[in-house]
Structure formats: structure tokens, C-alpha cells
Amino acid sequence: LLALPVELQKDIIDFLDFPSKQALRSTSHHFFIITKRPTHGELLVIEQSAWAIERRLYACKDCIRLRPSHKFADAMRKGPKGLNGRQPHKRFCIDCGLHPKPRTTRYSPGARIEVEGKRYVLCNICKLF
């Protein structure tokens, strides 16, 4: 594949499914660079696939990645922001909630976050989860 022109490589990559693209992307710096990252909208479609459901993967709107379910608060995995909810496009992972992008508000000190049924509190003093 490396012997082919880059344009042809990209055309071939476009035919691959998401797991195959990710596998190829992880094989070398070259393929990492030429393989397009999926958009958030594409990730929302991918998370509905059997592949993602089997792995319990959810899309984060802030870091634009598929992440395992334990990286999301229960409120982000259920109800309106759940897989079949009306607002999955508003879902963000715990990491992005703890370290939000500039000019966004996510989890504030004192926030109670439930993850897989276990409750956590974001400390008011040290700001640790």
C-alpha cells in the first residue's frame, strides 16, 4: 500500500469502515496523517453500529472521540443524551467536563457525578474528581 501514490491510498482508505480506518491509522505515522479523523456527526453514526455498541463506545462532542462508557457520567449515557436520546450531540465525557474548553461550563466544584452507579463529587478545594 505504501508504494501506491498518496491520492490512491486516500481513495482506498475512503472505502474502509471505521474500525479498519482506525487500525490502519495506528500502523504508521504516514497513515495517521493521511487518514481523516471522523467528525462528531460521523462518530454519532458510528456509535450506533454493532461494533461500537458491543464495545460500549460513546461519542464526546468536545474531544470528538469515541470513548468507553465508563468515561461518561450516567446522565450522559442515559435519557436525552443517551444512544437513542434526542440530544446525543450534546454529550461530553468526564475528562472534557472536568477540563472544559475556554468559554464553556461543564462540571463545577461541588458537582455530583454518577458513573456506572457510583457517586463522585468534584472537590471544592482541590478540584479533583
Foldseek 3Di string as FASTA:
>chain_A
DVVDDLVVVLVVLVPDDDVVLVVQLPPDVVSVVSRDQDALVVQLVVCPDPVNVVQQWAAALQVGDTDHQQQAFPVCCDEQCHSPHVPVNHHHGPVCQLVPDPPDHHDDAQDWTHGPNDIDGQHPPPRHD
